[in-house]
Amino acid sequence: MGLANRPEPDTPLSLAEFLDRHADAAWPSAERQPAGPWMLRAASGVTQRANSVLTSGPALMDSCDLNDWIASAESFYADRWLPTIFYLSPAAVPGNLSRELEQRGYQIQESAEVWTAPADRLLQTTPPEHAHQITLSNHPDAGWIDCAFDEPIQRRRIHQQIVQSIKRQRVFASIRQGNLTVACGLAVTAEGWTGLFCMHTHPAHRRQGHAAAILNTLARWSIQHDAPNIYLQLVAGNLPARRLYQRGGFLFAYPFYFWSKNRMDKPDLRQALR
């Protein structure tokens, strides 16, 4: 099997490879199994990120073993009564993977994007003061879980297992009004980068600056933990979120796609990437 030269560190391809794997560690699946350069991930079907094939590789590879890798993936998910879903970004290996999947009947079911920003830029574009105190914790409390995952109890339990199993340095941010957590966010940091996840504001409490205040707080936390760069993932077409993050100074970095033979649940993807 041949290996191409690894791209230079500042190329979009190497950035996609790095951030794909950073996000994979920040949102860990309960089950993981390698298949060639890929990682097969499963978590009882809750969130596409945790139940898809991570195809980003450490280098460009040829496709001489592609049939075996795809067969391994399809068997892995069939054994768990889950659809086979492939996560493809610009770092997917081999380079012709999308064409090979299409020939096998797979289609793009959902599109999403990675956006990045320097943490110090967020400090300049988001308000440092807020009417309500922002609480930071190493562990999610019941209020944070309620805010982040307003869904049936079984799915909530799996989401809770995911966030509690994060091994990298993390912090859970909450804004409370009385006994209600009205806004929340999660930051996970490693190797100079912080990923933001579970950014959510209760519908009755939007347009009050809660999300921007959490962005400012998590950016400050990121800098304090030697991570000057921040990224997040957005569902393509989520215009309100895009406007918020553009105002904060985020720029589009690269797209990624979920490929499957079965139609996927759009609300699930939005829940997973917010």
Foldseek 3Di string as FASTA:
>chain_A
DDFDDADDCPDLLNVVLVVLVVVCLQQDAPDWDDQVQKIAADQLAFFPSRGAIEQQGPTADDCPCVVRSVVVQCVVQVVSVHFYKYKDWCRGYHNCVVVVVVVVQKDFQFKKFKKKAFLVLLLVLFDQDAPFDKDKDQADDPQLLCFLDVDDPVSSVSSNVRNVPNPARKIKIFTDDPPHTFWIWMWGDDDQEIEIASTGGHPVPPPRRPSSNVSNVVSVVSVVVNRRMYMAMGGPPPVVVVVVVVSSPIDTSTMMTMMGNDNDDVVSNRSGRD
